[in-house]
Amino acid sequence: IDVLGNDALRYFLLREIVYGQDGSFSFDALVQRYNSDLANGLGNLASRTLTMINRYFNSSVPYPSPLVAHKAPDDAIKQQAEAVITEFGQLFDDYQFSRALESLWGVVGAVDKYLVEQEPWAVAEKEGEENKARLATILYTAAEALRIVTALACPVLPESAARIWQQLGLGDIGKLNLPDLKWGQLPLGSKLGKIEPVFPRA
């Protein structure tokens, strides 16, 4: 706790050890899980996504294009995020915390891959309204997926999730009603908060 904080330890215990069974703890395993899932995973996704919205859309959540600049990979991220909302709740109800977190981090990995394949930084360098609309759609999709991951991760990472929530410009995460969570609730045009790293590498 002194070195990595409550959130990192809580995440490690719930993700690494199947509830109700024995598990092993080591500092090496804790640091490895922290770096791979939190620093390089969720933390990196938040930093990349919000920094690009800050740079290309003046810190305002961009409007996704419903038609012109919409592609199948955008829908795939939406569908995976919607599926994980249902699955995560069911797994938590069954005390299957490790599987729930594994499923949630599947979304983190999918959005990371989505950004690499869609190359928003390259789209941003191209001229024209259609490219601007495509860039908006990519970054909205990534930001909305980040919002859903942050909301679901909040019971396990309350301090860190609250910080990402504020960076998304959503205020107090304590007012979030998890049963109402669904895709498309990120307010368009809203201003992001101050962007800063949440999980520095250990």
Protein backbone atom coordinates (compact mmCIF):
# COMPACT_ATOMS: atom_id res chain seq x y z
CA ILE A 1 0.00 0.00 0.00
CA ASP A 2 2.84 2.42 0.86
CA VAL A 3 4.48 1.88 -2.53
CA LEU A 4 1.61 1.36 -4.99
CA GLY A 5 -1.53 2.39 -3.09
CA ASN A 6 -4.82 0.71 -2.10
CA ASP A 7 -6.20 0.47 -5.64
CA ALA A 8 -3.25 -1.49 -7.02
CA LEU A 9 -3.30 -3.98 -4.16
CA ARG A 10 -7.08 -4.43 -4.30
CA TYR A 11 -6.94 -4.93 -8.07
CA PHE A 12 -4.13 -7.48 -7.75
CA LEU A 13 -5.94 -9.55 -5.10
CA LEU A 14 -9.27 -9.60 -6.95
CA ARG A 15 -7.73 -10.21 -10.39
CA GLU A 16 -4.98 -12.66 -9.46
CA ILE A 17 -6.69 -14.85 -6.85
CA VAL A 18 -9.93 -16.72 -7.54
CA TYR A 19 -12.35 -15.79 -4.77
CA GLY A 20 -12.71 -18.50 -2.12
CA GLN A 21 -9.47 -20.25 -3.07
CA ASP A 22 -5.90 -19.97 -1.86
CA GLY A 23 -3.55 -17.69 -3.77
CA SER A 24 0.07 -16.63 -3.67
CA PHE A 25 1.40 -13.11 -3.25
CA SER A 26 4.76 -11.70 -4.28
CA PHE A 27 5.95 -8.15 -4.88
CA ASP A 28 7.24 -9.19 -8.31
CA ALA A 29 3.79 -10.47 -9.31
CA LEU A 30 2.13 -7.33 -7.93
CA VAL A 31 4.46 -5.00 -9.86
CA GLN A 32 4.11 -7.06 -13.04
CA ARG A 33 0.28 -7.01 -12.84
CA TYR A 34 0.30 -3.29 -11.98
CA ASN A 35 2.52 -2.39 -14.93
CA SER A 36 0.77 -4.60 -17.50
CA ASP A 37 -2.89 -3.99 -16.57
CA LEU A 38 -2.91 -0.59 -14.89
CA ALA A 39 0.07 1.44 -16.16
CA ASN A 40 0.33 0.04 -19.72
CA GLY A 41 -3.37 -0.92 -19.92
CA LEU A 42 -6.00 1.39 -18.43
CA GLY A 43 -3.62 4.25 -17.61
CA ASN A 44 -2.10 4.31 -21.09
CA LEU A 45 -5.53 4.12 -22.75
CA ALA A 46 -6.80 7.08 -20.71
CA SER A 47 -3.69 9.12 -21.39
CA ARG A 48 -3.62 8.45 -25.16
CA THR A 49 -7.32 9.01 -25.73
CA LEU A 50 -7.70 12.17 -23.65
CA THR A 51 -4.44 13.71 -24.90
CA MET A 52 -5.61 13.32 -28.52
CA ILE A 53 -9.03 14.85 -27.75
CA ASN A 54 -7.21 17.70 -26.04
CA ARG A 55 -4.90 18.20 -29.04
CA TYR A 56 -7.32 17.76 -31.95
CA PHE A 57 -10.64 18.95 -30.48
CA ASN A 58 -9.55 21.61 -28.00
CA SER A 59 -10.43 19.40 -24.99
CA SER A 60 -14.08 18.99 -26.06
CA VAL A 61 -15.67 15.54 -26.51
CA PRO A 62 -16.06 15.22 -30.32
CA TYR A 63 -19.32 14.43 -32.14
CA PRO A 64 -19.22 10.96 -33.75
CA SER A 65 -20.48 10.78 -37.34
CA PRO A 66 -23.59 8.56 -37.62
CA LEU A 67 -23.08 7.77 -41.31
CA VAL A 68 -20.23 9.17 -43.41
CA ALA A 69 -17.25 8.34 -41.23
CA HIS A 70 -18.67 5.33 -39.42
CA LYS A 71 -17.01 1.91 -39.84
CA ALA A 72 -17.45 -1.68 -38.65
CA PRO A 73 -14.62 -1.53 -36.05
CA ASP A 74 -16.50 1.29 -34.26
CA ASP A 75 -19.55 -0.97 -33.90
CA ALA A 76 -17.36 -3.85 -32.71
CA ILE A 77 -16.06 -1.75 -29.79
CA LYS A 78 -19.60 -0.63 -28.93
CA GLN A 79 -20.89 -4.22 -28.97
CA GLN A 80 -18.02 -5.50 -26.80
CA ALA A 81 -18.55 -2.69 -24.29
CA GLU A 82 -22.31 -3.34 -24.14
CA ALA A 83 -21.72 -7.07 -23.65
CA VAL A 84 -19.23 -6.49 -20.83
CA ILE A 85 -21.70 -4.25 -18.92
CA THR A 86 -24.10 -7.20 -18.63
CA GLU A 87 -21.41 -9.85 -18.10
CA PHE A 88 -19.49 -7.86 -15.48
CA GLY A 89 -22.57 -7.40 -13.29
CA GLN A 90 -23.50 -11.08 -13.51
CA LEU A 91 -19.96 -12.23 -12.66
CA PHE A 92 -19.79 -9.86 -9.67
CA ASP A 93 -23.13 -11.20 -8.42
CA ASP A 94 -21.57 -14.69 -8.56
CA TYR A 95 -18.39 -13.51 -6.73
CA GLN A 96 -16.32 -14.25 -9.84
CA PHE A 97 -14.24 -11.09 -9.51
CA SER A 98 -11.20 -12.41 -11.37
CA ARG A 99 -13.24 -13.38 -14.44
CA ALA A 100 -15.15 -10.09 -14.34
CA LEU A 101 -11.92 -8.08 -14.38
CA GLU A 102 -10.42 -10.29 -17.08
CA SER A 103 -13.49 -9.63 -19.22
CA LEU A 104 -13.33 -5.88 -18.55
CA TRP A 105 -9.65 -5.67 -19.43
CA GLY A 106 -10.55 -7.44 -22.68
CA VAL A 107 -12.25 -4.15 -23.62
CA VAL A 108 -9.11 -2.18 -22.68
CA GLY A 109 -7.06 -4.41 -24.99
CA ALA A 110 -9.64 -4.17 -27.79
CA VAL A 111 -9.71 -0.35 -27.68
CA ASP A 112 -5.91 -0.24 -27.62
CA LYS A 113 -5.84 -2.44 -30.75
CA TYR A 114 -8.60 -0.31 -32.32
CA LEU A 115 -6.51 2.87 -31.88
CA VAL A 116 -3.41 1.22 -33.36
CA GLU A 117 -5.39 0.01 -36.40
CA GLN A 118 -7.44 3.19 -36.97
CA GLU A 119 -4.38 5.49 -36.53
CA PRO A 120 -6.19 8.67 -35.41
CA TRP A 121 -2.85 10.55 -35.41
CA ALA A 122 -2.51 9.82 -39.15
CA VAL A 123 -6.17 10.69 -39.87
CA ALA A 124 -5.61 14.03 -38.09
CA GLU A 125 -2.96 15.02 -40.65
CA LYS A 126 -5.34 14.60 -43.62
CA GLU A 127 -7.42 17.49 -44.97
CA GLY A 128 -11.19 17.55 -45.45
CA GLU A 129 -14.43 17.31 -43.52
CA GLU A 130 -14.74 13.55 -43.92
CA ASN A 131 -11.35 12.95 -42.28
CA LYS A 132 -12.27 15.35 -39.46
CA ALA A 133 -15.52 13.42 -38.95
CA ARG A 134 -13.63 10.09 -38.99
CA LEU A 135 -11.19 11.40 -36.37
CA ALA A 136 -14.11 12.54 -34.19
CA THR A 137 -15.75 9.11 -34.46
CA ILE A 138 -12.56 7.22 -33.55
CA LEU A 139 -11.84 9.38 -30.50
CA TYR A 140 -15.46 9.42 -29.31
CA THR A 141 -15.57 5.62 -29.54
CA ALA A 142 -12.35 5.30 -27.52
CA ALA A 143 -13.48 7.85 -24.92
CA GLU A 144 -16.91 6.25 -24.47
CA ALA A 145 -15.33 2.80 -24.04
CA LEU A 146 -12.92 4.34 -21.50
CA ARG A 147 -15.91 5.81 -19.61
CA ILE A 148 -17.61 2.41 -19.41
CA VAL A 149 -14.42 0.63 -18.28
CA THR A 150 -13.83 3.32 -15.64
CA ALA A 151 -17.41 3.08 -14.34
CA LEU A 152 -17.27 -0.72 -14.02
CA ALA A 153 -13.78 -0.68 -12.50
CA CYS A 154 -14.81 1.88 -9.86
CA PRO A 155 -15.68 -0.64 -7.09
CA VAL A 156 -12.18 -2.15 -7.46
CA LEU A 157 -10.24 1.06 -8.23
CA PRO A 158 -12.27 3.76 -6.45
CA GLU A 159 -9.52 6.39 -6.16
CA SER A 160 -8.07 5.92 -9.65
CA ALA A 161 -11.49 5.64 -11.33
CA ALA A 162 -12.55 8.91 -9.67
CA ARG A 163 -9.49 10.63 -11.15
CA ILE A 164 -10.10 9.29 -14.68
CA TRP A 165 -13.80 10.26 -14.34
CA GLN A 166 -12.78 13.84 -13.56
CA GLN A 167 -10.35 13.88 -16.50
CA LEU A 168 -13.29 12.80 -18.72
CA GLY A 169 -15.05 15.94 -17.45
CA LEU A 170 -17.78 13.94 -15.70
CA GLY A 171 -17.42 15.34 -12.18
CA ASP A 172 -18.05 13.18 -9.11
CA ILE A 173 -18.07 9.42 -9.84
CA GLY A 174 -19.93 8.92 -6.55
CA LYS A 175 -23.10 10.17 -8.32
CA LEU A 176 -22.85 7.41 -10.94
CA ASN A 177 -25.72 4.90 -10.89
CA LEU A 178 -24.15 1.68 -12.22
CA PRO A 179 -27.45 -0.09 -13.09
CA ASP A 180 -28.19 2.78 -15.55
CA LEU A 181 -24.85 2.44 -17.35
CA LYS A 182 -25.13 2.08 -21.13
CA TRP A 183 -23.31 3.05 -24.31
CA GLY A 184 -23.68 6.63 -25.57
CA GLN A 185 -23.97 8.55 -22.30
CA LEU A 186 -20.73 10.56 -22.71
CA PRO A 187 -21.98 14.16 -23.17
CA LEU A 188 -21.00 15.48 -26.61
CA GLY A 189 -19.10 18.77 -26.62
CA SER A 190 -18.39 18.61 -22.88
CA LYS A 191 -15.00 19.80 -21.67
CA LEU A 192 -12.37 17.41 -20.35
CA GLY A 193 -10.73 17.97 -16.98
CA LYS A 194 -7.00 18.34 -16.37
CA ILE A 195 -5.15 15.38 -17.88
CA GLU A 196 -2.45 13.74 -15.74
CA PRO A 197 -1.06 10.21 -15.40
CA VAL A 198 -3.07 8.01 -13.02
CA PHE A 199 -0.79 4.94 -12.95
CA PRO A 200 2.89 5.87 -13.29
CA ARG A 201 5.00 2.82 -14.14
CA ALA A 202 6.37 1.01 -11.09
